[in-house]
Amino acid sequence: MMEKDCEVMDKGANAEEPPLSNNLIASRLEEAADLLEIQGANPYRIRAYRTAGKLLHGLKEDVSAILQREGVPGLEQLPGIGPSLGRSIERLTITGKFALLERLHGRPEAESLFATVAGIGAGLATEIHEQLGIETLQELQIAACDGRLAEVPGMGLKRVRAVQEALAGRFKHSFEIPRQNKRKSSLSNEPDVSEILDVDREYRQKSEQRRLPRISPKHFNPTNEAWLPVLHTERWTRHYTALYSNTARAHELGTIRDWVIIYRDDHEGDGQWTVITASFGENAGQRIVRGRERECSEYYASTHPSEGCSDLVGELE
């Protein structure tokens, strides 16, 4: 492990790229609203992106100037801009990347997401994605902490430390597996694994019943077929998007109908999780959330006392 307490944050900043203009940012937000509407998302969520787009079109001060002076809290002072949308606008302004729009279009998000982290360029992002089979910043965090990231060609110890420093602060926590007697995640503002697993269940069930809109992924889809189901759903005030993992690793292992990537994006927070079927151990065949295996064990033990879920960190190596 590189550090005793390994903290990571996606600053997403590339100082060499000029910030986007207010109008370009607004256009991306409005495009996301259009796609959310086509894909059957919550009308309030659609309205939030459209309202933000309209606001930025008429904003006299550049978003980049607000960010430079006050950071995301400055954006949150604008009507209708919450913490999650503020962070998305920040990353979009500085890097030109809008993760929500990428996944709404069916583009692979992980490589572009990793490439915004200091110390990881486009080539290394692809190498990390392909070799480790990881999709999210949480999984990148685990890989940086458990040594796997350092084993990727081109990622030495110094570069891994640079990645850790560039990412430090986003989750504002030290990543550690929760103790056996705790049901909640150690992550700040994280939903219970029961909620994530329920979104996974809803997605797979509706997908099998062909009740979901389908999009055409940009990779591994030579015929441009609209085969990838997408779910937009809510749990209380939390908004989730779920899709099967359309990656080279998933195709290689034949798990494109098993690995489900779940994204959260709402006013109260955001996050990304990968849900898979455990392939070994006492809980083989159960759905688990990668990176939160201990909580899965506690959840299954509480609902089915005779069952459990083994610690599967590194299962997809």
C-alpha atoms as a PDB file:
ATOM      1  CA  MET A   1       0.000   0.000   0.000  1.00  0.00           C
ATOM      2  CA  MET A   2       1.390   3.386  -0.961  1.00  0.00           C
ATOM      3  CA  GLU A   3       0.040   5.335   2.012  1.00  0.00           C
ATOM      4  CA  LYS A   4      -1.429   4.288   5.336  1.00  0.00           C
ATOM      5  CA  ASP A   5      -4.394   6.550   4.729  1.00  0.00           C
ATOM      6  CA  CYS A   6      -4.920   6.852   1.012  1.00  0.00           C
ATOM      7  CA  GLU A   7      -7.082   9.788  -0.052  1.00  0.00           C
ATOM      8  CA  VAL A   8      -8.059  10.600  -3.617  1.00  0.00           C
ATOM      9  CA  MET A   9      -9.898  13.369  -5.391  1.00  0.00           C
ATOM     10  CA  ASP A  10     -10.721  14.113  -9.009  1.00  0.00           C
ATOM     11  CA  LYS A  11      -9.591  17.668  -9.516  1.00  0.00           C
ATOM     12  CA  GLY A  12      -9.949  17.029 -13.187  1.00  0.00           C
ATOM     13  CA  ALA A  13      -7.922  20.118 -13.950  1.00  0.00           C
ATOM     14  CA  ASN A  14      -5.609  20.489 -16.891  1.00  0.00           C
ATOM     15  CA  ALA A  15      -4.024  23.894 -16.549  1.00  0.00           C
ATOM     16  CA  GLU A  16      -2.950  23.925 -20.185  1.00  0.00           C
ATOM     17  CA  GLU A  17      -6.520  23.871 -21.469  1.00  0.00           C
ATOM     18  CA  PRO A  18      -8.435  27.175 -21.549  1.00  0.00           C
ATOM     19  CA  PRO A  19     -11.693  27.169 -19.581  1.00  0.00           C
ATOM     20  CA  LEU A  20     -14.931  26.811 -21.515  1.00  0.00           C
ATOM     21  CA  SER A  21     -17.137  29.830 -22.055  1.00  0.00           C
ATOM     22  CA  ASN A  22     -20.476  30.212 -20.293  1.00  0.00           C
ATOM     23  CA  ASN A  23     -22.374  29.585 -23.534  1.00  0.00           C
ATOM     24  CA  LEU A  24     -20.515  26.356 -24.280  1.00  0.00           C
ATOM     25  CA  ILE A  25     -21.082  25.108 -20.748  1.00  0.00           C
ATOM     26  CA  ALA A  26     -24.761  26.012 -21.003  1.00  0.00           C
ATOM     27  CA  SER A  27     -25.072  24.175 -24.321  1.00  0.00           C
ATOM     28  CA  ARG A  28     -23.620  20.996 -22.815  1.00  0.00           C
ATOM     29  CA  LEU A  29     -26.044  21.198 -19.896  1.00  0.00           C
ATOM     30  CA  GLU A  30     -28.975  21.654 -22.287  1.00  0.00           C
ATOM     31  CA  GLU A  31     -27.782  18.726 -24.403  1.00  0.00           C
ATOM     32  CA  ALA A  32     -27.718  16.573 -21.279  1.00  0.00           C
ATOM     33  CA  ALA A  33     -31.272  17.699 -20.465  1.00  0.00           C
ATOM     34  CA  ASP A  34     -32.460  16.698 -23.957  1.00  0.00           C
ATOM     35  CA  LEU A  35     -30.903  13.236 -23.672  1.00  0.00           C
ATOM     36  CA  LEU A  36     -32.259  12.738 -20.170  1.00  0.00           C
ATOM     37  CA  GLU A  37     -35.719  13.526 -21.486  1.00  0.00           C
ATOM     38  CA  ILE A  38     -35.367  11.059 -24.364  1.00  0.00           C
ATOM     39  CA  GLN A  39     -34.193   8.377 -21.927  1.00  0.00           C
ATOM     40  CA  GLY A  40     -37.095   8.900 -19.526  1.00  0.00           C
ATOM     41  CA  ALA A  41     -35.335  10.549 -16.586  1.00  0.00           C
ATOM     42  CA  ASN A  42     -37.101  12.372 -13.782  1.00  0.00           C
ATOM     43  CA  PRO A  43     -38.669  15.643 -15.074  1.00  0.00           C
ATOM     44  CA  TYR A  44     -37.248  17.580 -12.128  1.00  0.00           C
ATOM     45  CA  ARG A  45     -33.748  16.434 -13.011  1.00  0.00           C
ATOM     46  CA  ILE A  46     -34.276  17.447 -16.638  1.00  0.00           C
ATOM     47  CA  ARG A  47     -35.564  20.832 -15.540  1.00  0.00           C
ATOM     48  CA  ALA A  48     -32.537  21.351 -13.273  1.00  0.00           C
ATOM     49  CA  TYR A  49     -30.106  21.036 -16.204  1.00  0.00           C
ATOM     50  CA  ARG A  50     -32.230  23.226 -18.461  1.00  0.00           C
ATOM     51  CA  THR A  51     -32.591  25.873 -15.773  1.00  0.00           C
ATOM     52  CA  ALA A  52     -28.839  25.851 -15.161  1.00  0.00           C
ATOM     53  CA  GLY A  53     -28.202  26.180 -18.898  1.00  0.00           C
ATOM     54  CA  LYS A  54     -30.536  29.144 -19.185  1.00  0.00           C
ATOM     55  CA  LEU A  55     -28.931  30.747 -16.154  1.00  0.00           C
ATOM     56  CA  LEU A  56     -25.407  30.420 -17.586  1.00  0.00           C
ATOM     57  CA  HIS A  57     -26.466  31.793 -20.978  1.00  0.00           C
ATOM     58  CA  GLY A  58     -27.528  34.993 -19.217  1.00  0.00           C
ATOM     59  CA  LEU A  59     -24.748  35.147 -16.631  1.00  0.00           C
ATOM     60  CA  LYS A  60     -22.615  38.266 -17.072  1.00  0.00           C
ATOM     61  CA  GLU A  61     -19.576  36.998 -15.169  1.00  0.00           C
ATOM     62  CA  ASP A  62     -17.554  34.084 -16.549  1.00  0.00           C
ATOM     63  CA  VAL A  63     -17.993  30.838 -14.632  1.00  0.00           C
ATOM     64  CA  SER A  64     -14.203  30.422 -14.703  1.00  0.00           C
ATOM     65  CA  ALA A  65     -13.809  33.739 -12.850  1.00  0.00           C
ATOM     66  CA  ILE A  66     -16.258  32.646 -10.145  1.00  0.00           C
ATOM     67  CA  LEU A  67     -14.436  29.346  -9.747  1.00  0.00           C
ATOM     68  CA  GLN A  68     -11.055  31.022  -9.534  1.00  0.00           C
ATOM     69  CA  ARG A  69     -12.287  33.437  -6.903  1.00  0.00           C
ATOM     70  CA  GLU A  70     -14.650  31.304  -4.810  1.00  0.00           C
ATOM     71  CA  GLY A  71     -14.521  27.736  -6.092  1.00  0.00           C
ATOM     72  CA  VAL A  72     -17.620  25.540  -6.274  1.00  0.00           C
ATOM     73  CA  PRO A  73     -19.224  27.302  -3.256  1.00  0.00           C
ATOM     74  CA  GLY A  74     -19.375  30.416  -5.441  1.00  0.00           C
ATOM     75  CA  LEU A  75     -21.401  28.517  -8.058  1.00  0.00           C
ATOM     76  CA  GLU A  76     -23.713  27.216  -5.344  1.00  0.00           C
ATOM     77  CA  GLN A  77     -24.743  30.793  -4.620  1.00  0.00           C
ATOM     78  CA  LEU A  78     -26.391  30.896  -8.054  1.00  0.00           C
ATOM     79  CA  PRO A  79     -30.088  29.923  -8.166  1.00  0.00           C
ATOM     80  CA  GLY A  80     -30.616  26.212  -8.795  1.00  0.00           C
ATOM     81  CA  ILE A  81     -26.941  25.184  -8.612  1.00  0.00           C
ATOM     82  CA  GLY A  82     -26.327  22.545  -5.949  1.00  0.00           C
ATOM     83  CA  PRO A  83     -23.049  20.866  -4.914  1.00  0.00           C
ATOM     84  CA  SER A  84     -23.196  18.040  -7.476  1.00  0.00           C
ATOM     85  CA  LEU A  85     -24.128  20.254 -10.406  1.00  0.00           C
ATOM     86  CA  GLY A  86     -21.556  22.772  -9.229  1.00  0.00           C
ATOM     87  CA  ARG A  87     -18.820  20.124  -9.303  1.00  0.00           C
ATOM     88  CA  SER A  88     -19.922  18.997 -12.765  1.00  0.00           C
ATOM     89  CA  ILE A  89     -19.795  22.577 -14.029  1.00  0.00           C
ATOM     90  CA  GLU A  90     -16.357  23.016 -12.459  1.00  0.00           C
ATOM     91  CA  ARG A  91     -14.943  19.935 -14.223  1.00  0.00           C
ATOM     92  CA  LEU A  92     -16.654  20.887 -17.463  1.00  0.00           C
ATOM     93  CA  THR A  93     -15.306  24.437 -17.289  1.00  0.00           C
ATOM     94  CA  ILE A  94     -11.721  23.432 -16.609  1.00  0.00           C
ATOM     95  CA  THR A  95     -11.343  20.144 -18.498  1.00  0.00           C
ATOM     96  CA  GLY A  96     -14.109  20.231 -21.124  1.00  0.00           C
ATOM     97  CA  LYS A  97     -15.262  16.829 -19.776  1.00  0.00           C
ATOM     98  CA  PHE A  98     -18.865  16.214 -18.720  1.00  0.00           C
ATOM     99  CA  ALA A  99     -19.175  12.676 -17.375  1.00  0.00           C
ATOM    100  CA  LEU A 100     -22.972  12.616 -17.460  1.00  0.00           C
ATOM    101  CA  LEU A 101     -23.064  13.628 -21.112  1.00  0.00           C
ATOM    102  CA  GLU A 102     -20.451  10.998 -21.977  1.00  0.00           C
ATOM    103  CA  ARG A 103     -22.501   8.178 -20.526  1.00  0.00           C
ATOM    104  CA  LEU A 104     -25.784   9.495 -21.930  1.00  0.00           C
ATOM    105  CA  HIS A 105     -24.153   9.215 -25.363  1.00  0.00           C
ATOM    106  CA  GLY A 106     -22.884   5.715 -24.598  1.00  0.00           C
ATOM    107  CA  ARG A 107     -19.228   6.718 -24.689  1.00  0.00           C
ATOM    108  CA  PRO A 108     -16.699   4.991 -22.428  1.00  0.00           C
ATOM    109  CA  GLU A 109     -16.356   7.319 -19.477  1.00  0.00           C
ATOM    110  CA  ALA A 110     -13.544   5.706 -17.518  1.00  0.00           C
ATOM    111  CA  GLU A 111     -10.703   6.507 -19.920  1.00  0.00           C
ATOM    112  CA  SER A 112     -11.659  10.165 -20.334  1.00  0.00           C
ATOM    113  CA  LEU A 113     -12.269  10.412 -16.583  1.00  0.00           C
ATOM    114  CA  PHE A 114      -8.891   8.941 -15.655  1.00  0.00           C
ATOM    115  CA  ALA A 115      -7.131  11.131 -18.240  1.00  0.00           C
ATOM    116  CA  THR A 116      -8.210  14.271 -16.364  1.00  0.00           C
ATOM    117  CA  VAL A 117      -6.232  13.210 -13.283  1.00  0.00           C
ATOM    118  CA  ALA A 118      -2.799  14.765 -12.949  1.00  0.00           C
ATOM    119  CA  GLY A 119      -0.157  12.140 -13.697  1.00  0.00           C
ATOM    120  CA  ILE A 120      -2.384  10.150 -16.043  1.00  0.00           C
ATOM    121  CA  GLY A 121      -2.477  11.017 -19.736  1.00  0.00           C
ATOM    122  CA  ALA A 122      -4.719   9.528 -22.412  1.00  0.00           C
ATOM    123  CA  GLY A 123      -2.389   6.589 -23.081  1.00  0.00           C
ATOM    124  CA  LEU A 124      -2.024   5.649 -19.431  1.00  0.00           C
ATOM    125  CA  ALA A 125      -5.761   6.051 -18.887  1.00  0.00           C
ATOM    126  CA  THR A 126      -6.409   3.434 -21.569  1.00  0.00           C
ATOM    127  CA  GLU A 127      -3.710   1.147 -20.125  1.00  0.00           C
ATOM    128  CA  ILE A 128      -5.183   1.412 -16.611  1.00  0.00           C
ATOM    129  CA  HIS A 129      -8.695   0.805 -17.876  1.00  0.00           C
ATOM    130  CA  GLU A 130      -7.729  -2.226 -19.935  1.00  0.00           C
ATOM    131  CA  GLN A 131      -5.276  -3.866 -17.525  1.00  0.00           C
ATOM    132  CA  LEU A 132      -7.154  -3.355 -14.272  1.00  0.00           C
ATOM    133  CA  GLY A 133     -10.685  -3.472 -15.649  1.00  0.00           C
ATOM    134  CA  ILE A 134     -11.755  -0.582 -13.423  1.00  0.00           C
ATOM    135  CA  GLU A 135     -14.416   1.986 -14.262  1.00  0.00           C
ATOM    136  CA  THR A 136     -14.707   4.507 -11.468  1.00  0.00           C
ATOM    137  CA  LEU A 137     -12.677   6.853  -9.296  1.00  0.00           C
ATOM    138  CA  GLN A 138     -13.508   4.732  -6.274  1.00  0.00           C
ATOM    139  CA  GLU A 139     -11.940   1.738  -8.032  1.00  0.00           C
ATOM    140  CA  LEU A 140      -8.967   3.882  -9.073  1.00  0.00           C
ATOM    141  CA  GLN A 141      -8.635   4.792  -5.410  1.00  0.00           C
ATOM    142  CA  ILE A 142      -8.556   1.147  -4.366  1.00  0.00           C
ATOM    143  CA  ALA A 143      -5.979   0.353  -7.066  1.00  0.00           C
ATOM    144  CA  ALA A 144      -3.768   3.231  -5.925  1.00  0.00           C
ATOM    145  CA  CYS A 145      -3.979   2.046  -2.325  1.00  0.00           C
ATOM    146  CA  ASP A 146      -3.499  -1.689  -2.821  1.00  0.00           C
ATOM    147  CA  GLY A 147      -0.522  -1.435  -5.207  1.00  0.00           C
ATOM    148  CA  ARG A 148      -2.174  -2.534  -8.457  1.00  0.00           C
ATOM    149  CA  LEU A 149      -1.904   0.922 -10.025  1.00  0.00           C
ATOM    150  CA  ALA A 150       1.870   0.928  -9.525  1.00  0.00           C
ATOM    151  CA  GLU A 151       2.086  -2.338 -11.511  1.00  0.00           C
ATOM    152  CA  VAL A 152       0.613  -0.802 -14.675  1.00  0.00           C
ATOM    153  CA  PRO A 153       3.443  -0.093 -17.163  1.00  0.00           C
ATOM    154  CA  GLY A 154       4.338   3.576 -16.962  1.00  0.00           C
ATOM    155  CA  MET A 155       2.929   3.998 -13.453  1.00  0.00           C
ATOM    156  CA  GLY A 156       5.865   4.108 -11.049  1.00  0.00           C
ATOM    157  CA  LEU A 157       5.726   4.978  -7.363  1.00  0.00           C
ATOM    158  CA  LYS A 158       6.293   8.692  -7.969  1.00  0.00           C
ATOM    159  CA  ARG A 159       3.517   8.856 -10.548  1.00  0.00           C
ATOM    160  CA  VAL A 160       1.126   6.995  -8.248  1.00  0.00           C
ATOM    161  CA  ARG A 161       1.898   9.500  -5.492  1.00  0.00           C
ATOM    162  CA  ALA A 162       1.242  12.325  -7.960  1.00  0.00           C
ATOM    163  CA  VAL A 163      -2.124  10.759  -8.777  1.00  0.00           C
ATOM    164  CA  GLN A 164      -2.966  10.473  -5.084  1.00  0.00           C
ATOM    165  CA  GLU A 165      -2.047  14.100  -4.471  1.00  0.00           C
ATOM    166  CA  ALA A 166      -4.015  15.317  -7.499  1.00  0.00           C
ATOM    167  CA  LEU A 167      -7.067  13.434  -6.293  1.00  0.00           C
ATOM    168  CA  ALA A 168      -6.739  14.189  -2.584  1.00  0.00           C
ATOM    169  CA  GLY A 169      -9.817  15.655  -0.960  1.00  0.00           C
ATOM    170  CA  ARG A 170     -12.749  14.667  -3.143  1.00  0.00           C
ATOM    171  CA  PHE A 171     -14.130  12.044  -0.843  1.00  0.00           C
ATOM    172  CA  LYS A 172     -12.683  13.708   2.270  1.00  0.00           C
ATOM    173  CA  HIS A 173     -12.063  10.377   3.926  1.00  0.00           C
ATOM    174  CA  SER A 174      -9.436   7.723   4.363  1.00  0.00           C
ATOM    175  CA  PHE A 175     -10.516   4.684   2.391  1.00  0.00           C
ATOM    176  CA  GLU A 176     -10.787   1.729   4.686  1.00  0.00           C
ATOM    177  CA  ILE A 177     -13.057  -1.262   4.777  1.00  0.00           C
ATOM    178  CA  PRO A 178     -15.795  -0.642   7.385  1.00  0.00           C
ATOM    179  CA  ARG A 179     -15.650  -2.614  10.604  1.00  0.00           C
ATOM    180  CA  GLN A 180     -17.705  -5.743  10.889  1.00  0.00           C
ATOM    181  CA  ASN A 181     -20.237  -4.118  13.229  1.00  0.00           C
ATOM    182  CA  LYS A 182     -21.064  -1.208  10.931  1.00  0.00           C
ATOM    183  CA  ARG A 183     -23.665  -1.243   8.213  1.00  0.00           C
ATOM    184  CA  LYS A 184     -22.939   2.230   6.845  1.00  0.00           C
ATOM    185  CA  SER A 185     -20.100   2.959   4.452  1.00  0.00           C
ATOM    186  CA  SER A 186     -17.121   4.927   5.738  1.00  0.00           C
ATOM    187  CA  LEU A 187     -17.495   7.186   2.731  1.00  0.00           C
ATOM    188  CA  SER A 188     -19.098  10.574   3.322  1.00  0.00           C
ATOM    189  CA  ASN A 189     -22.691  10.766   2.091  1.00  0.00           C
ATOM    190  CA  GLU A 190     -22.557   7.247   0.641  1.00  0.00           C
ATOM    191  CA  PRO A 191     -25.831   5.356   0.231  1.00  0.00           C
ATOM    192  CA  ASP A 192     -26.126   1.935   1.868  1.00  0.00           C
ATOM    193  CA  VAL A 193     -25.130  -1.031  -0.258  1.00  0.00           C
ATOM    194  CA  SER A 194     -28.740  -2.180   0.033  1.00  0.00           C
ATOM    195  CA  GLU A 195     -29.797   0.857  -1.998  1.00  0.00           C
ATOM    196  CA  ILE A 196     -27.130   0.345  -4.653  1.00  0.00           C
ATOM    197  CA  LEU A 197     -28.019  -3.329  -4.924  1.00  0.00           C
ATOM    198  CA  ASP A 198     -31.678  -2.404  -5.284  1.00  0.00           C
ATOM    199  CA  VAL A 199     -30.875  -0.066  -8.195  1.00  0.00           C
ATOM    200  CA  ASP A 200     -28.876  -2.939  -9.729  1.00  0.00           C
ATOM    201  CA  ARG A 201     -31.852  -5.264  -9.278  1.00  0.00           C
ATOM    202  CA  GLU A 202     -34.238  -2.765 -10.895  1.00  0.00           C
ATOM    203  CA  TYR A 203     -31.889  -2.227 -13.832  1.00  0.00           C
ATOM    204  CA  ARG A 204     -31.318  -5.911 -14.591  1.00  0.00           C
ATOM    205  CA  GLN A 205     -34.985  -6.790 -14.159  1.00  0.00           C
ATOM    206  CA  LYS A 206     -36.238  -4.017 -16.438  1.00  0.00           C
ATOM    207  CA  SER A 207     -33.479  -4.751 -18.932  1.00  0.00           C
ATOM    208  CA  GLU A 208     -34.521  -8.402 -19.161  1.00  0.00           C
ATOM    209  CA  GLN A 209     -38.125  -7.300 -19.626  1.00  0.00           C
ATOM    210  CA  ARG A 210     -37.019  -4.837 -22.358  1.00  0.00           C
ATOM    211  CA  ARG A 211     -38.654  -1.974 -20.504  1.00  0.00           C
ATOM    212  CA  LEU A 212     -35.700   0.408 -20.799  1.00  0.00           C
ATOM    213  CA  PRO A 213     -34.608   2.790 -23.554  1.00  0.00           C
ATOM    214  CA  ARG A 214     -31.491   1.612 -25.382  1.00  0.00           C
ATOM    215  CA  ILE A 215     -28.556   3.615 -26.648  1.00  0.00           C
ATOM    216  CA  SER A 216     -25.816   2.916 -29.189  1.00  0.00           C
ATOM    217  CA  PRO A 217     -22.453   2.658 -27.397  1.00  0.00           C
ATOM    218  CA  LYS A 218     -19.569   4.192 -29.306  1.00  0.00           C
ATOM    219  CA  HIS A 219     -17.101   1.377 -28.622  1.00  0.00           C
ATOM    220  CA  PHE A 220     -17.357  -2.344 -29.460  1.00  0.00           C
ATOM    221  CA  ASN A 221     -20.420  -1.663 -31.563  1.00  0.00           C
ATOM    222  CA  PRO A 222     -19.430  -1.764 -35.267  1.00  0.00           C
ATOM    223  CA  THR A 223     -23.040  -1.902 -36.478  1.00  0.00           C
ATOM    224  CA  ASN A 224     -24.064   1.083 -34.330  1.00  0.00           C
ATOM    225  CA  GLU A 225     -26.830  -1.020 -32.782  1.00  0.00           C
ATOM    226  CA  ALA A 226     -28.878   0.521 -29.971  1.00  0.00           C
ATOM    227  CA  TRP A 227     -28.419  -2.414 -27.576  1.00  0.00           C
ATOM    228  CA  LEU A 228     -27.229  -0.853 -24.295  1.00  0.00           C
ATOM    229  CA  PRO A 229     -30.136  -0.380 -21.836  1.00  0.00           C
ATOM    230  CA  VAL A 230     -30.027   2.729 -19.645  1.00  0.00           C
ATOM    231  CA  LEU A 231     -31.962   3.274 -16.435  1.00  0.00           C
ATOM    232  CA  HIS A 232     -32.629   6.597 -14.737  1.00  0.00           C
ATOM    233  CA  THR A 233     -34.191   6.073 -11.333  1.00  0.00           C
ATOM    234  CA  GLU A 234     -34.576   7.693  -7.925  1.00  0.00           C
ATOM    235  CA  ARG A 235     -34.350   6.667  -4.304  1.00  0.00           C
ATOM    236  CA  TRP A 236     -35.811   9.479  -2.209  1.00  0.00           C
ATOM    237  CA  THR A 237     -33.886  12.573  -3.391  1.00  0.00           C
ATOM    238  CA  ARG A 238     -31.023  10.584  -4.918  1.00  0.00           C
ATOM    239  CA  HIS A 239     -30.796  10.209  -8.703  1.00  0.00           C
ATOM    240  CA  TYR A 240     -29.112   7.179 -10.260  1.00  0.00           C
ATOM    241  CA  THR A 241     -28.156   6.113 -13.773  1.00  0.00           C
ATOM    242  CA  ALA A 242     -27.305   2.467 -14.465  1.00  0.00           C
ATOM    243  CA  LEU A 243     -25.752   0.789 -17.523  1.00  0.00           C
ATOM    244  CA  TYR A 244     -23.988  -2.470 -18.320  1.00  0.00           C
ATOM    245  CA  SER A 245     -20.210  -2.147 -18.511  1.00  0.00           C
ATOM    246  CA  ASN A 246     -19.328  -1.976 -22.214  1.00  0.00           C
ATOM    247  CA  THR A 247     -15.555  -2.299 -21.845  1.00  0.00           C
ATOM    248  CA  ALA A 248     -12.852  -4.386 -23.447  1.00  0.00           C
ATOM    249  CA  ARG A 249     -12.372  -6.211 -20.146  1.00  0.00           C
ATOM    250  CA  ALA A 250     -16.081  -7.006 -19.858  1.00  0.00           C
ATOM    251  CA  HIS A 251     -16.151  -8.297 -23.450  1.00  0.00           C
ATOM    252  CA  GLU A 252     -13.004 -10.338 -22.847  1.00  0.00           C
ATOM    253  CA  LEU A 253     -14.480 -12.026 -19.768  1.00  0.00           C
ATOM    254  CA  GLY A 254     -18.001 -12.299 -21.194  1.00  0.00           C
ATOM    255  CA  THR A 255     -19.477 -10.196 -18.392  1.00  0.00           C
ATOM    256  CA  ILE A 256     -21.151  -7.371 -20.325  1.00  0.00           C
ATOM    257  CA  ARG A 257     -24.540  -8.610 -19.090  1.00  0.00           C
ATOM    258  CA  ASP A 258     -23.266  -8.976 -15.533  1.00  0.00           C
ATOM    259  CA  TRP A 259     -21.160  -5.949 -14.608  1.00  0.00           C
ATOM    260  CA  VAL A 260     -23.415  -2.963 -13.935  1.00  0.00           C
ATOM    261  CA  ILE A 261     -22.058   0.555 -13.485  1.00  0.00           C
ATOM    262  CA  ILE A 262     -24.244   2.754 -11.293  1.00  0.00           C
ATOM    263  CA  TYR A 263     -23.796   6.524 -11.169  1.00  0.00           C
ATOM    264  CA  ARG A 264     -25.270   8.981  -8.720  1.00  0.00           C
ATOM    265  CA  ASP A 265     -25.726  12.622  -9.701  1.00  0.00           C
ATOM    266  CA  ASP A 266     -27.969  14.914  -7.649  1.00  0.00           C
ATOM    267  CA  HIS A 267     -27.926  18.027  -5.487  1.00  0.00           C
ATOM    268  CA  GLU A 268     -26.753  16.139  -2.416  1.00  0.00           C
ATOM    269  CA  GLY A 269     -23.832  14.263  -3.925  1.00  0.00           C
ATOM    270  CA  ASP A 270     -22.453  12.033  -6.635  1.00  0.00           C
ATOM    271  CA  GLY A 271     -20.674   8.726  -6.933  1.00  0.00           C
ATOM    272  CA  GLN A 272     -19.995   5.661  -9.051  1.00  0.00           C
ATOM    273  CA  TRP A 273     -20.147   1.966  -8.185  1.00  0.00           C
ATOM    274  CA  THR A 274     -19.602  -1.314 -10.016  1.00  0.00           C
ATOM    275  CA  VAL A 275     -21.917  -4.208  -9.126  1.00  0.00           C
ATOM    276  CA  ILE A 276     -20.898  -7.735 -10.142  1.00  0.00           C
ATOM    277  CA  THR A 277     -21.794 -11.341  -9.394  1.00  0.00           C
ATOM    278  CA  ALA A 278     -19.291 -12.909  -7.001  1.00  0.00           C
ATOM    279  CA  SER A 279     -17.607 -15.814  -8.779  1.00  0.00           C
ATOM    280  CA  PHE A 280     -16.022 -17.569  -5.805  1.00  0.00           C
ATOM    281  CA  GLY A 281     -16.122 -17.804  -2.044  1.00  0.00           C
ATOM    282  CA  GLU A 282     -18.975 -18.619   0.297  1.00  0.00           C
ATOM    283  CA  ASN A 283     -21.153 -16.008  -1.367  1.00  0.00           C
ATOM    284  CA  ALA A 284     -20.561 -17.081  -4.968  1.00  0.00           C
ATOM    285  CA  GLY A 285     -23.496 -16.108  -7.116  1.00  0.00           C
ATOM    286  CA  GLN A 286     -24.500 -13.099  -5.003  1.00  0.00           C
ATOM    287  CA  ARG A 287     -24.437  -9.550  -6.330  1.00  0.00           C
ATOM    288  CA  ILE A 288     -21.795  -7.400  -4.620  1.00  0.00           C
ATOM    289  CA  VAL A 289     -20.620  -3.797  -4.803  1.00  0.00           C
ATOM    290  CA  ARG A 290     -16.921  -3.692  -5.574  1.00  0.00           C
ATOM    291  CA  GLY A 291     -14.927  -1.839  -2.941  1.00  0.00           C
ATOM    292  CA  ARG A 292     -17.655  -2.375  -0.336  1.00  0.00           C
ATOM    293  CA  GLU A 293     -17.505  -6.142   0.015  1.00  0.00           C
ATOM    294  CA  ARG A 294     -17.538  -6.140   3.806  1.00  0.00           C
ATOM    295  CA  GLU A 295     -20.764  -4.160   3.826  1.00  0.00           C
ATOM    296  CA  CYS A 296     -22.230  -6.630   1.345  1.00  0.00           C
ATOM    297  CA  SER A 297     -21.326  -9.414   3.756  1.00  0.00           C
ATOM    298  CA  GLU A 298     -23.086  -7.644   6.607  1.00  0.00           C
ATOM    299  CA  TYR A 299     -26.103  -6.882   4.434  1.00  0.00           C
ATOM    300  CA  TYR A 300     -26.531 -10.493   3.283  1.00  0.00           C
ATOM    301  CA  ALA A 301     -25.881 -11.786   6.796  1.00  0.00           C
ATOM    302  CA  SER A 302     -28.669  -9.566   8.123  1.00  0.00           C
ATOM    303  CA  THR A 303     -31.155 -10.569   5.423  1.00  0.00           C
ATOM    304  CA  HIS A 304     -30.052 -14.217   5.075  1.00  0.00           C
ATOM    305  CA  PRO A 305     -28.162 -15.191   8.252  1.00  0.00           C
ATOM    306  CA  SER A 306     -26.759 -18.369   6.702  1.00  0.00           C
ATOM    307  CA  GLU A 307     -25.250 -16.491   3.789  1.00  0.00           C
ATOM    308  CA  GLY A 308     -22.353 -14.106   3.491  1.00  0.00           C
ATOM    309  CA  CYS A 309     -20.130 -12.365   1.031  1.00  0.00           C
ATOM    310  CA  SER A 310     -16.373 -12.763   0.891  1.00  0.00           C
ATOM    311  CA  ASP A 311     -13.859  -9.976   0.573  1.00  0.00           C
ATOM    312  CA  LEU A 312     -13.399  -9.794  -3.178  1.00  0.00           C
ATOM    313  CA  VAL A 313     -11.073  -6.816  -3.612  1.00  0.00           C
ATOM    314  CA  GLY A 314      -8.999  -7.613  -6.680  1.00  0.00           C
ATOM    315  CA  GLU A 315     -11.474 -10.216  -8.030  1.00  0.00           C
ATOM    316  CA  LEU A 316     -11.352  -8.633 -11.467  1.00  0.00           C
ATOM    317  CA  GLU A 317      -7.574  -8.507 -11.689  1.00  0.00           C
END
